[in-house]
Amino acid sequence: MLENLDLNRTLSKKEYKEVTEKLSPRLAELQRTCKELGIPIMIIFEGWGASGKGTMINQLIRPLDPRGFQVFTIQKPNEEESMRPFLWRFFTKTPAKGRIHLFDRSWYQRILDEGMRQGMDKEKRMAAYEEIHSFEELLTADGMVIIKFFLHISKEEQHKRLKKLEKAKETAWRVTAQDWHRNKEYDKYLHASDEMIIYTDREEAPWTVIEATDREYASAKILNCVVNRLEQAVKKVQGDRAYEEEKKRLAKEAAARTAEEKADRDQERQKISEQFRTGVLAGVDLSKSLTKEEYKKKLKKLQERLRELHSEMYLKRVPVVLAFEGWDAGGKGGAIKRITENIDPRGYEVVPTASPNDIEKAHHYLWRFWNKMPKAGHMAIFDRTWYGRVMVERIEGFCTTEEWQRAYSEINSMEAHLASAGTIVLKFWMHIDKDEQERRFKERQETPEKQWKITDEDWRNRAKWDEYEVAVDEMLVRTSTDYAPWIIVEANSKYYARVKVLETVVNALEKRLKNS
């Protein structure tokens, strides 16, 4: 595809001025509108060295309010970034709603630079394309606008520009050995770029190839493309909101007319659905227990072994994610304490998850969790997790049905990426029955030093036990994988639960470290 493009497209200075005088005010207006509507935007610039990415970014941002955008220059991963999953440094740079982030190079660097240097075979390239597709699909499904440009010039034009940059003292530093290598191996990189564009050109995040020989033409085409894409995004959001308002109005009218009839019908359907629901929790044996003596003996042995493995995990740079979910008063805190109380505090972080704050709400719901993912050799322990999207947010109506339904695949993709980066991912569901929960709630109320643990919200959630049980069953079935399994912990006995959690962590670490 790239080799067949006409790279001699030009625009006179007069034509360029006419285009920019029309489009620049419109871009500034669209920036303000996107801010009002809460539309986040990512603009990616890829292309040949010396193709003018920096110049094009500078031209594009001129009409914009500098308070509403940020530019990122992506170099080789630094030491901190190299110790994280590949997508970590990009997910943590995603913009909040209403902001624009521009990238001089991006996640495609993995294929264009690292892949070429390391001789990435087709199977690995296909896996990288799939990870990128999942990443972009996850963001765009949540409302992100992703605009991708590839700046294309010929081998001869690149050579001429590199020579010119190298001659000038103030720009010589910008020309690297890698730039000259890519010019020498132009045909190979052309083929790689072509393949990359073909495999990652999707409707939700399409590529626009910019014929960049003539800078005026390239700049005007980029400006026109951004204006068009933002106009489409604004129109879609405004249309979707109008549609949702109308749908709510009609639904409210229909509900008022047939509320009683609908309630009876829903109740009957619920009864039928319950008969055929795929369940997990109903079959859990909660009678499992340990005596105090058995518990103390096993606890000491397991904690000593975990301390040894934690040190070895650090030395071999193995990252670990432990995710805890469960019923209120299910024993998450007690299990976490038994994991951490005998290991080096410099090698782990416990991440308590509460309701998202305003900054977190302005980002994709996974953003705040990506920010806490551990680097190589460290452990992150999440007390409540990203699964809130398919439990509390689903039940309490804090997200739409479409949002929680697509979250299963989004979460599976994130965990698969963590696992492919070498992370051990273990997820624990702390399971107790309703009677045990009530007993623990009352104990907390009656014990002064434990009263802070019980809130009115705990009692409200308990009233929706059956709804939560349906959601948890679906969550366990749809997101338990080989690379990130759910471990259901029979937690009516705190002693048994704590030991099972420790045994699971120890066994997983032993298995990985033995093979590393």
Protein backbone atom coordinates (compact mmCIF):
# COMPACT_ATOMS: atom_id res chain seq x y z
CA MET A 1 0.00 0.00 0.00
CA LEU A 2 2.60 2.59 1.10
CA GLU A 3 4.86 2.03 -1.90
CA ASN A 4 2.03 2.93 -4.28
CA LEU A 5 1.17 6.29 -2.73
CA ASP A 6 1.83 9.49 -4.62
CA LEU A 7 4.29 11.32 -2.36
CA ASN A 8 4.47 14.41 -4.58
CA ARG A 9 1.23 15.95 -3.32
CA THR A 10 1.72 19.67 -2.68
CA LEU A 11 -0.11 22.76 -1.52
CA SER A 12 0.89 26.32 -2.33
CA LYS A 13 1.47 28.72 0.52
CA LYS A 14 -1.63 30.63 -0.53
CA GLU A 15 -3.76 27.48 -0.53
CA TYR A 16 -2.28 26.44 2.80
CA LYS A 17 -3.13 29.80 4.34
CA GLU A 18 -6.71 29.62 3.08
CA VAL A 19 -7.17 26.12 4.53
CA THR A 20 -5.69 26.92 7.93
CA GLU A 21 -7.62 30.19 8.26
CA LYS A 22 -10.84 28.21 7.88
CA LEU A 23 -9.96 25.14 9.92
CA SER A 24 -7.90 26.54 12.82
CA PRO A 25 -10.79 28.46 14.45
CA ARG A 26 -12.99 25.41 13.97
CA LEU A 27 -10.42 23.20 15.75
CA ALA A 28 -10.28 25.61 18.69
CA GLU A 29 -14.08 25.59 18.87
CA LEU A 30 -14.13 21.77 18.76
CA GLN A 31 -11.61 21.59 21.59
CA ARG A 32 -13.97 23.63 23.77
CA THR A 33 -16.97 21.52 22.74
CA CYS A 34 -15.13 18.26 23.46
CA LYS A 35 -14.22 19.59 26.88
CA GLU A 36 -17.86 20.44 27.61
CA LEU A 37 -19.04 17.02 26.41
CA GLY A 38 -16.25 15.17 28.23
CA ILE A 39 -14.74 13.60 25.09
CA PRO A 40 -11.14 12.39 25.61
CA ILE A 41 -8.84 12.45 22.57
CA MET A 42 -5.56 10.71 21.72
CA ILE A 43 -3.66 11.77 18.59
CA ILE A 44 -0.78 9.50 17.57
CA PHE A 45 2.04 10.42 15.20
CA GLU A 46 4.08 7.59 13.71
CA GLY A 47 6.27 7.57 10.61
CA TRP A 48 9.77 7.75 9.31
CA GLY A 49 12.60 9.55 11.07
CA ALA A 50 12.82 13.13 9.72
CA SER A 51 9.31 12.89 8.29
CA GLY A 52 8.31 15.95 10.33
CA LYS A 53 6.35 14.54 13.28
CA GLY A 54 7.50 17.28 15.63
CA THR A 55 6.75 20.01 13.11
CA MET A 56 3.29 18.61 12.42
CA ILE A 57 2.48 18.44 16.14
CA ASN A 58 3.58 22.06 16.56
CA GLN A 59 1.40 23.18 13.66
CA LEU A 60 -1.60 21.23 14.96
CA ILE A 61 -1.52 22.60 18.51
CA ARG A 62 -1.23 26.26 17.53
CA PRO A 63 -5.01 26.92 17.59
CA LEU A 64 -5.48 24.92 20.81
CA ASP A 65 -5.76 26.16 24.39
CA PRO A 66 -2.52 24.86 25.97
CA ARG A 67 -4.35 24.17 29.23
CA GLY A 68 -6.33 21.43 27.51
CA PHE A 69 -3.64 19.29 25.92
CA GLN A 70 -0.36 17.54 26.66
CA VAL A 71 2.33 16.20 24.32
CA PHE A 72 4.27 13.01 25.05
CA THR A 73 7.49 12.02 23.31
CA ILE A 74 7.91 8.25 23.46
CA GLN A 75 11.49 7.00 23.59
CA LYS A 76 12.88 3.59 24.44
CA PRO A 77 11.43 2.35 27.76
CA ASN A 78 13.43 3.58 30.74
CA GLU A 79 14.34 1.29 33.63
CA GLU A 80 11.06 1.89 35.46
CA GLU A 81 9.00 1.31 32.31
CA SER A 82 10.97 -1.81 31.38
CA MET A 83 9.93 -3.35 34.71
CA ARG A 84 6.23 -2.91 33.95
CA PRO A 85 3.85 -4.58 31.47
CA PHE A 86 4.33 -3.02 28.01
CA LEU A 87 1.02 -1.14 27.91
CA TRP A 88 1.44 0.30 31.44
CA ARG A 89 3.24 3.45 30.33
CA PHE A 90 0.57 4.17 27.72
CA PHE A 91 -2.51 3.39 29.80
CA THR A 92 -1.23 5.66 32.56
CA LYS A 93 -0.91 8.47 29.98
CA THR A 94 -4.47 8.23 28.67
CA PRO A 95 -6.27 11.57 28.92
CA ALA A 96 -9.10 12.44 31.26
CA LYS A 97 -12.49 13.25 29.75
CA GLY A 98 -12.37 16.49 27.78
CA ARG A 99 -8.57 16.54 27.36
CA ILE A 100 -6.29 15.94 24.36
CA HIS A 101 -3.06 13.93 24.57
CA LEU A 102 -0.71 13.91 21.56
CA PHE A 103 1.97 11.25 21.13
CA ASP A 104 5.20 11.59 19.14
CA ARG A 105 5.59 7.82 18.65
CA SER A 106 3.39 5.39 20.54
CA TRP A 107 2.63 1.76 21.39
CA TYR A 108 3.39 0.94 17.76
CA GLN A 109 7.07 1.42 18.57
CA ARG A 110 7.00 -2.16 19.84
CA ILE A 111 6.53 -3.44 16.29
CA LEU A 112 8.37 -0.83 14.25
CA ASP A 113 11.50 -0.60 16.40
CA GLU A 114 11.74 -3.37 18.97
CA GLY A 115 10.18 -5.94 16.64
CA MET A 116 12.56 -5.19 13.80
CA ARG A 117 15.65 -5.14 16.02
CA GLN A 118 14.73 -8.38 17.73
CA GLY A 119 13.52 -10.14 14.60
CA MET A 120 9.97 -10.63 15.91
CA ASP A 121 8.41 -13.60 14.09
CA LYS A 122 4.90 -13.49 12.62
CA GLU A 123 3.28 -15.27 15.56
CA LYS A 124 4.66 -12.69 18.01
CA ARG A 125 3.69 -9.83 15.71
CA MET A 126 0.14 -11.13 15.47
CA ALA A 127 -0.01 -11.38 19.27
CA ALA A 128 1.27 -7.78 19.53
CA TYR A 129 -1.34 -6.59 17.01
CA GLU A 130 -4.08 -8.31 19.02
CA GLU A 131 -2.93 -6.66 22.27
CA ILE A 132 -2.92 -3.27 20.55
CA HIS A 133 -6.36 -3.89 19.08
CA SER A 134 -7.75 -4.86 22.50
CA PHE A 135 -6.17 -1.75 24.05
CA GLU A 136 -7.63 0.62 21.44
CA GLU A 137 -11.01 -1.11 21.41
CA LEU A 138 -11.25 -0.88 25.20
CA LEU A 139 -10.56 2.87 25.11
CA THR A 140 -12.81 3.72 22.15
CA ALA A 141 -15.69 1.68 23.56
CA ASP A 142 -15.52 3.99 26.59
CA GLY A 143 -15.69 7.13 24.43
CA MET A 144 -12.03 7.81 23.59
CA VAL A 145 -11.34 9.30 20.15
CA ILE A 146 -8.11 7.82 18.75
CA ILE A 147 -6.62 9.53 15.69
CA LYS A 148 -3.57 7.82 14.17
CA PHE A 149 -1.23 9.38 11.60
CA PHE A 150 1.61 7.73 9.70
CA LEU A 151 3.90 10.29 8.08
CA HIS A 152 5.28 8.81 4.86
CA ILE A 153 8.27 9.98 2.80
CA SER A 154 10.48 8.24 0.27
CA LYS A 155 13.89 6.75 1.01
CA GLU A 156 15.57 9.54 -0.99
CA GLU A 157 13.64 12.28 0.80
CA GLN A 158 14.48 10.80 4.19
CA HIS A 159 18.18 10.59 3.28
CA LYS A 160 18.16 14.23 2.17
CA ARG A 161 16.49 15.42 5.35
CA LEU A 162 18.78 13.39 7.62
CA LYS A 163 21.82 14.90 5.90
CA LYS A 164 20.42 18.40 6.33
CA LEU A 165 19.67 17.84 10.03
CA GLU A 166 23.12 16.36 10.60
CA LYS A 167 24.87 19.33 9.00
CA ALA A 168 23.34 21.91 11.32
CA LYS A 169 24.91 22.04 14.78
CA GLU A 170 21.60 22.77 16.51
CA THR A 171 19.82 19.76 14.95
CA ALA A 172 22.60 17.18 14.56
CA TRP A 173 21.71 15.58 17.89
CA ARG A 174 18.31 14.59 16.51
CA VAL A 175 19.81 12.18 13.98
CA THR A 176 20.57 8.77 15.47
CA ALA A 177 22.27 5.63 14.25
CA GLN A 178 18.82 4.03 14.27
CA ASP A 179 17.58 6.66 11.79
CA TRP A 180 20.39 5.84 9.38
CA HIS A 181 19.84 2.12 9.87
CA ARG A 182 16.17 2.50 9.02
CA ASN A 183 17.08 4.48 5.91
CA LYS A 184 19.55 1.81 4.83
CA GLU A 185 16.95 -0.92 5.48
CA TYR A 186 14.12 1.23 4.13
CA ASP A 187 12.43 -1.55 2.17
CA LYS A 188 12.26 -3.84 5.20
CA TYR A 189 10.82 -1.09 7.39
CA LEU A 190 8.41 -0.15 4.60
CA HIS A 191 7.09 -3.72 4.55
CA ALA A 192 6.82 -3.77 8.38
CA SER A 193 4.98 -0.43 8.42
CA ASP A 194 2.64 -1.61 5.69
CA GLU A 195 1.78 -4.76 7.62
CA MET A 196 1.29 -2.81 10.83
CA ILE A 197 -1.15 -0.38 9.21
CA ILE A 198 -3.13 -3.17 7.52
CA TYR A 199 -3.50 -5.24 10.71
CA THR A 200 -4.30 -2.33 13.03
CA ASP A 201 -6.53 -0.21 10.81
CA ARG A 202 -9.88 -0.61 12.56
CA GLU A 203 -13.11 1.31 12.27
CA GLU A 204 -12.86 2.57 15.85
CA ALA A 205 -9.20 3.65 15.43
CA PRO A 206 -8.34 4.05 11.72
CA TRP A 207 -4.97 5.05 10.27
CA THR A 208 -4.52 8.12 8.10
CA VAL A 209 -1.37 8.05 5.96
CA ILE A 210 0.08 11.51 5.43
CA GLU A 211 2.07 12.21 2.27
CA ALA A 212 4.69 14.27 4.09
CA THR A 213 7.10 15.39 1.35
CA ASP A 214 5.46 18.81 1.22
CA ARG A 215 5.09 20.18 4.75
CA GLU A 216 2.19 22.54 3.89
CA TYR A 217 0.21 19.72 2.34
CA ALA A 218 0.95 17.37 5.26
CA SER A 219 0.01 19.97 7.88
CA ALA A 220 -3.23 20.91 6.15
CA LYS A 221 -4.26 17.26 5.68
CA ILE A 222 -3.64 16.53 9.38
CA LEU A 223 -5.61 19.59 10.46
CA ASN A 224 -8.51 18.65 8.17
CA CYS A 225 -8.54 15.06 9.42
CA VAL A 226 -8.55 16.08 13.09
CA VAL A 227 -11.39 18.55 12.53
CA ASN A 228 -13.44 15.93 10.68
CA ARG A 229 -12.89 13.24 13.32
CA LEU A 230 -13.77 15.59 16.19
CA GLU A 231 -16.89 16.80 14.39
CA GLN A 232 -17.97 13.16 13.99
CA ALA A 233 -17.28 12.48 17.67
CA VAL A 234 -19.23 15.53 18.82
CA LYS A 235 -22.16 14.66 16.57
CA LYS A 236 -22.20 11.09 17.87
CA VAL A 237 -22.10 12.08 21.54
CA GLN A 238 -24.80 14.71 21.09
CA GLY A 239 -26.92 12.25 19.13
CA ASP A 240 -26.40 9.46 21.66
CA ARG A 241 -27.37 11.74 24.53
CA ALA A 242 -30.51 12.91 22.76
CA TYR A 243 -31.38 9.29 21.98
CA GLU A 244 -30.83 8.22 25.59
CA GLU A 245 -33.00 11.06 26.88
CA GLU A 246 -35.79 10.10 24.50
CA LYS A 247 -35.42 6.44 25.40
CA LYS A 248 -35.65 7.29 29.11
CA ARG A 249 -38.76 9.38 28.51
CA LEU A 250 -40.49 6.62 26.56
CA ALA A 251 -39.41 4.00 29.07
CA LYS A 252 -40.77 6.10 31.92
CA GLU A 253 -44.13 6.46 30.17
CA ALA A 254 -44.27 2.76 29.35
CA ALA A 255 -43.31 1.83 32.89
CA ALA A 256 -46.03 4.02 34.33
CA ARG A 257 -48.64 2.37 32.10
CA THR A 258 -47.64 -1.23 32.66
CA ALA A 259 -45.68 -1.29 35.93
CA GLU A 260 -47.72 -3.98 37.60
CA GLU A 261 -47.96 -6.17 34.51
CA LYS A 262 -44.21 -5.83 33.90
CA ALA A 263 -43.36 -6.69 37.50
CA ASP A 264 -45.36 -9.93 37.29
CA ARG A 265 -43.78 -10.82 33.96
CA ASP A 266 -40.25 -10.06 35.21
CA GLN A 267 -40.83 -12.16 38.31
CA GLU A 268 -41.89 -15.14 36.21
CA ARG A 269 -38.92 -14.72 33.88
CA GLN A 270 -36.60 -14.46 36.87
CA LYS A 271 -37.93 -17.76 38.25
CA ILE A 272 -37.31 -19.48 34.93
CA SER A 273 -33.85 -17.92 34.56
CA GLU A 274 -32.87 -19.05 38.05
CA GLN A 275 -33.59 -22.65 37.08
CA PHE A 276 -31.01 -22.55 34.32
CA ARG A 277 -28.43 -20.09 35.72
CA THR A 278 -24.84 -21.33 35.66
CA GLY A 279 -23.88 -21.27 39.32
CA VAL A 280 -20.67 -21.65 41.27
CA LEU A 281 -21.28 -20.37 44.78
CA ALA A 282 -24.20 -22.71 45.57
CA GLY A 283 -21.89 -25.72 45.40
CA VAL A 284 -19.20 -24.39 47.76
CA ASP A 285 -18.72 -26.41 50.95
CA LEU A 286 -18.56 -23.82 53.74
CA SER A 287 -18.21 -26.40 56.51
CA LYS A 288 -14.44 -26.65 55.94
CA SER A 289 -12.50 -25.56 59.01
CA LEU A 290 -9.30 -25.84 61.01
CA THR A 291 -8.72 -25.99 64.75
CA LYS A 292 -6.75 -23.19 66.35
CA GLU A 293 -3.78 -25.51 66.89
CA GLU A 294 -3.79 -26.67 63.25
CA TYR A 295 -4.07 -23.07 62.11
CA LYS A 296 -1.12 -21.82 64.18
CA LYS A 297 1.12 -24.65 63.01
CA LYS A 298 0.30 -24.19 59.32
CA LEU A 299 0.38 -20.40 59.53
CA LYS A 300 3.92 -20.28 60.89
CA LYS A 301 5.24 -22.71 58.29
CA LEU A 302 3.52 -20.97 55.38
CA GLN A 303 4.57 -17.47 56.41
CA GLU A 304 8.20 -18.56 56.73
CA ARG A 305 8.07 -20.12 53.28
CA LEU A 306 6.37 -17.04 51.81
CA ARG A 307 9.12 -14.82 53.20
CA GLU A 308 11.73 -16.95 51.41
CA LEU A 309 9.78 -16.95 48.17
CA HIS A 310 9.17 -13.21 48.36
CA SER A 311 12.93 -12.61 48.42
CA GLU A 312 13.49 -15.01 45.53
CA MET A 313 10.64 -13.38 43.62
CA TYR A 314 12.41 -10.03 43.96
CA LEU A 315 15.77 -11.40 42.83
CA LYS A 316 14.25 -13.06 39.76
CA ARG A 317 12.11 -10.00 38.97
CA VAL A 318 8.74 -11.77 39.03
CA PRO A 319 5.77 -9.37 39.47
CA VAL A 320 2.73 -10.60 41.44
CA VAL A 321 -0.86 -9.33 41.56
CA LEU A 322 -3.16 -10.63 44.29
CA ALA A 323 -6.78 -9.50 43.95
CA PHE A 324 -9.25 -9.89 46.80
CA GLU A 325 -13.01 -9.74 46.44
CA GLY A 326 -15.75 -11.24 48.57
CA TRP A 327 -18.78 -10.60 50.70
CA ASP A 328 -18.62 -7.77 53.22
CA ALA A 329 -17.04 -9.22 56.40
CA GLY A 330 -15.74 -12.13 54.30
CA GLY A 331 -12.24 -11.89 55.75
CA LYS A 332 -10.30 -10.05 53.05
CA GLY A 333 -8.43 -7.88 55.53
CA GLY A 334 -7.47 -10.81 57.76
CA ALA A 335 -6.16 -12.80 54.79
CA ILE A 336 -4.15 -9.85 53.48
CA LYS A 337 -2.64 -9.23 56.91
CA ARG A 338 -1.42 -12.85 57.15
CA ILE A 339 0.25 -12.48 53.75
CA THR A 340 2.06 -9.25 54.55
CA GLU A 341 2.95 -9.45 58.23
CA ASN A 342 6.10 -11.54 57.68
CA ILE A 343 7.47 -10.22 54.35
CA ASP A 344 9.63 -7.19 53.49
CA PRO A 345 7.32 -4.13 53.30
CA ARG A 346 9.56 -2.57 50.64
CA GLY A 347 8.53 -5.31 48.22
CA TYR A 348 4.76 -5.01 48.27
CA GLU A 349 1.92 -2.50 48.28
CA VAL A 350 -1.60 -3.04 49.58
CA VAL A 351 -4.07 -1.09 47.44
CA PRO A 352 -7.43 -0.46 49.14
CA THR A 353 -10.11 0.36 46.56
CA ALA A 354 -12.89 2.75 47.48
CA SER A 355 -15.41 4.59 45.29
CA PRO A 356 -13.56 6.42 42.49
CA ASN A 357 -12.76 10.09 43.12
CA ASP A 358 -13.39 12.86 40.59
CA ILE A 359 -10.02 12.40 38.87
CA GLU A 360 -10.51 8.65 38.58
CA LYS A 361 -14.06 9.09 37.27
CA ALA A 362 -12.66 11.29 34.50
CA HIS A 363 -10.61 8.35 33.17
CA HIS A 364 -11.39 4.85 31.95
CA TYR A 365 -12.39 2.71 34.94
CA LEU A 366 -9.24 0.56 34.56
CA TRP A 367 -6.91 3.58 34.61
CA ARG A 368 -6.62 3.79 38.39
CA PHE A 369 -5.73 0.09 38.59
CA TRP A 370 -3.12 0.30 35.84
CA ASN A 371 -1.45 3.03 37.87
CA LYS A 372 -0.99 0.57 40.74
CA MET A 373 0.25 -2.46 38.82
CA PRO A 374 3.56 -3.68 40.29
CA LYS A 375 6.92 -3.48 38.63
CA ALA A 376 9.04 -6.60 38.17
CA GLY A 377 9.94 -8.23 41.48
CA HIS A 378 7.18 -6.53 43.45
CA MET A 379 3.75 -7.54 44.71
CA ALA A 380 0.53 -5.54 44.53
CA ILE A 381 -2.34 -6.68 46.76
CA PHE A 382 -5.72 -5.21 45.86
CA ASP A 383 -8.39 -5.05 48.57
CA ARG A 384 -11.35 -4.76 46.19
CA THR A 385 -10.58 -4.51 42.50
CA TRP A 386 -11.56 -3.72 38.92
CA TYR A 387 -14.34 -6.30 39.36
CA GLY A 388 -16.41 -3.60 41.01
CA ARG A 389 -17.56 -2.77 37.46
CA VAL A 390 -19.41 -6.11 37.17
CA MET A 391 -20.63 -6.22 40.77
CA VAL A 392 -21.41 -3.04 42.73
CA GLU A 393 -21.50 -0.76 39.66
CA ARG A 394 -23.73 -3.25 37.87
CA ILE A 395 -26.13 -3.78 40.79
CA GLU A 396 -26.27 -0.16 41.96
CA GLY A 397 -26.62 1.30 38.46
CA PHE A 398 -23.34 3.23 38.49
CA CYS A 399 -22.63 2.13 34.92
CA THR A 400 -24.76 1.19 31.93
CA THR A 401 -25.70 -2.37 31.01
CA GLU A 402 -23.52 -2.10 27.90
CA GLU A 403 -20.54 -0.98 30.03
CA TRP A 404 -20.64 -3.84 32.54
CA GLN A 405 -21.39 -6.43 29.86
CA ARG A 406 -18.32 -5.51 27.83
CA ALA A 407 -16.18 -5.29 30.98
CA TYR A 408 -15.69 -9.08 31.09
CA SER A 409 -13.68 -9.10 27.85
CA GLU A 410 -11.88 -5.85 28.79
CA ILE A 411 -10.79 -7.33 32.12
CA ASN A 412 -9.75 -10.63 30.54
CA SER A 413 -7.62 -8.70 28.02
CA MET A 414 -5.94 -6.65 30.75
CA GLU A 415 -5.14 -9.73 32.81
CA ALA A 416 -3.88 -11.57 29.72
CA HIS A 417 -1.51 -8.67 29.05
CA LEU A 418 -0.24 -8.77 32.62
CA ALA A 419 0.30 -12.53 32.37
CA SER A 420 2.12 -12.26 29.02
CA ALA A 421 4.46 -9.76 30.71
CA GLY A 422 5.32 -12.42 33.31
CA THR A 423 2.96 -11.36 36.11
CA ILE A 424 1.46 -13.95 38.44
CA VAL A 425 -2.23 -13.03 38.76
CA LEU A 426 -4.31 -14.69 41.49
CA LYS A 427 -7.87 -13.65 42.34
CA PHE A 428 -9.56 -14.66 45.59
CA TRP A 429 -13.29 -14.68 46.27
CA MET A 430 -13.80 -14.80 50.07
CA HIS A 431 -17.06 -16.72 50.41
CA ILE A 432 -19.28 -16.87 53.49
CA ASP A 433 -22.98 -17.60 53.89
CA LYS A 434 -25.63 -15.08 54.84
CA ASP A 435 -25.94 -16.27 58.44
CA GLU A 436 -22.19 -15.98 59.03
CA GLN A 437 -22.19 -12.49 57.58
CA GLU A 438 -24.99 -11.42 59.94
CA ARG A 439 -23.12 -12.88 62.91
CA ARG A 440 -19.95 -10.96 61.98
CA PHE A 441 -21.87 -7.72 61.38
CA LYS A 442 -23.41 -7.92 64.86
CA GLU A 443 -20.05 -8.77 66.41
CA ARG A 444 -18.56 -5.67 64.84
CA GLN A 445 -21.38 -3.50 66.12
CA GLU A 446 -20.95 -4.81 69.64
CA THR A 447 -17.13 -4.56 69.75
CA PRO A 448 -15.92 -0.95 70.19
CA GLU A 449 -12.59 -1.45 68.40
CA LYS A 450 -14.36 -3.06 65.43
CA GLN A 451 -17.28 -0.67 65.02
CA TRP A 452 -15.43 1.33 62.35
CA LYS A 453 -15.62 -1.72 60.10
CA ILE A 454 -19.44 -1.71 59.87
CA THR A 455 -21.46 0.91 57.99
CA ASP A 456 -25.05 1.46 56.93
CA GLU A 457 -23.93 0.65 53.39
CA ASP A 458 -22.93 -2.87 54.50
CA TRP A 459 -26.49 -3.50 55.67
CA ARG A 460 -27.92 -2.04 52.46
CA ASN A 461 -25.71 -4.29 50.35
CA ARG A 462 -26.79 -7.29 52.40
CA ALA A 463 -30.40 -6.63 51.43
CA LYS A 464 -29.35 -7.24 47.80
CA TRP A 465 -27.55 -10.52 48.54
CA ASP A 466 -29.43 -12.49 45.87
CA GLU A 467 -28.70 -9.93 43.15
CA TYR A 468 -25.03 -9.89 44.09
CA GLU A 469 -24.89 -13.68 44.08
CA VAL A 470 -26.14 -13.75 40.47
CA ALA A 471 -23.50 -11.16 39.49
CA VAL A 472 -20.69 -12.97 41.32
CA ASP A 473 -21.57 -16.31 39.72
CA GLU A 474 -21.41 -14.74 36.26
CA MET A 475 -18.16 -12.97 37.09
CA LEU A 476 -16.50 -16.19 38.28
CA VAL A 477 -17.60 -18.16 35.23
CA ARG A 478 -16.65 -15.51 32.66
CA THR A 479 -13.33 -14.30 34.04
CA SER A 480 -11.60 -17.31 35.58
CA THR A 481 -8.78 -18.19 33.18
CA ASP A 482 -5.62 -20.29 33.20
CA TYR A 483 -3.52 -17.14 33.35
CA ALA A 484 -5.64 -15.36 36.00
CA PRO A 485 -7.72 -17.91 37.93
CA TRP A 486 -10.35 -17.27 40.54
CA ILE A 487 -9.81 -19.11 43.80
CA ILE A 488 -13.00 -19.50 45.83
CA VAL A 489 -12.05 -19.45 49.50
CA GLU A 490 -14.42 -21.18 51.92
CA ALA A 491 -14.31 -18.46 54.56
CA ASN A 492 -16.90 -19.32 57.21
CA SER A 493 -13.84 -20.51 59.14
CA LYS A 494 -11.33 -17.65 59.25
CA TYR A 495 -8.54 -20.07 60.12
CA TYR A 496 -9.24 -22.27 57.12
CA ALA A 497 -9.59 -19.27 54.77
CA ARG A 498 -6.30 -17.64 55.76
CA VAL A 499 -4.40 -20.89 55.37
CA LYS A 500 -5.96 -21.62 51.96
CA VAL A 501 -5.00 -18.17 50.68
CA LEU A 502 -1.41 -18.56 51.90
CA GLU A 503 -1.11 -22.07 50.47
CA THR A 504 -2.37 -20.85 47.10
CA VAL A 505 0.12 -17.97 46.97
CA VAL A 506 3.02 -20.16 48.10
CA ASN A 507 2.20 -22.89 45.57
CA ALA A 508 1.91 -20.40 42.71
CA LEU A 509 5.24 -18.77 43.58
CA GLU A 510 7.00 -22.11 43.97
CA LYS A 511 5.70 -23.28 40.60
CA ARG A 512 6.79 -20.11 38.78
CA LEU A 513 10.18 -19.77 40.48
CA LYS A 514 10.97 -23.42 39.87
CA ASN A 515 10.51 -22.85 36.14
CA SER A 516 12.26 -19.46 35.94
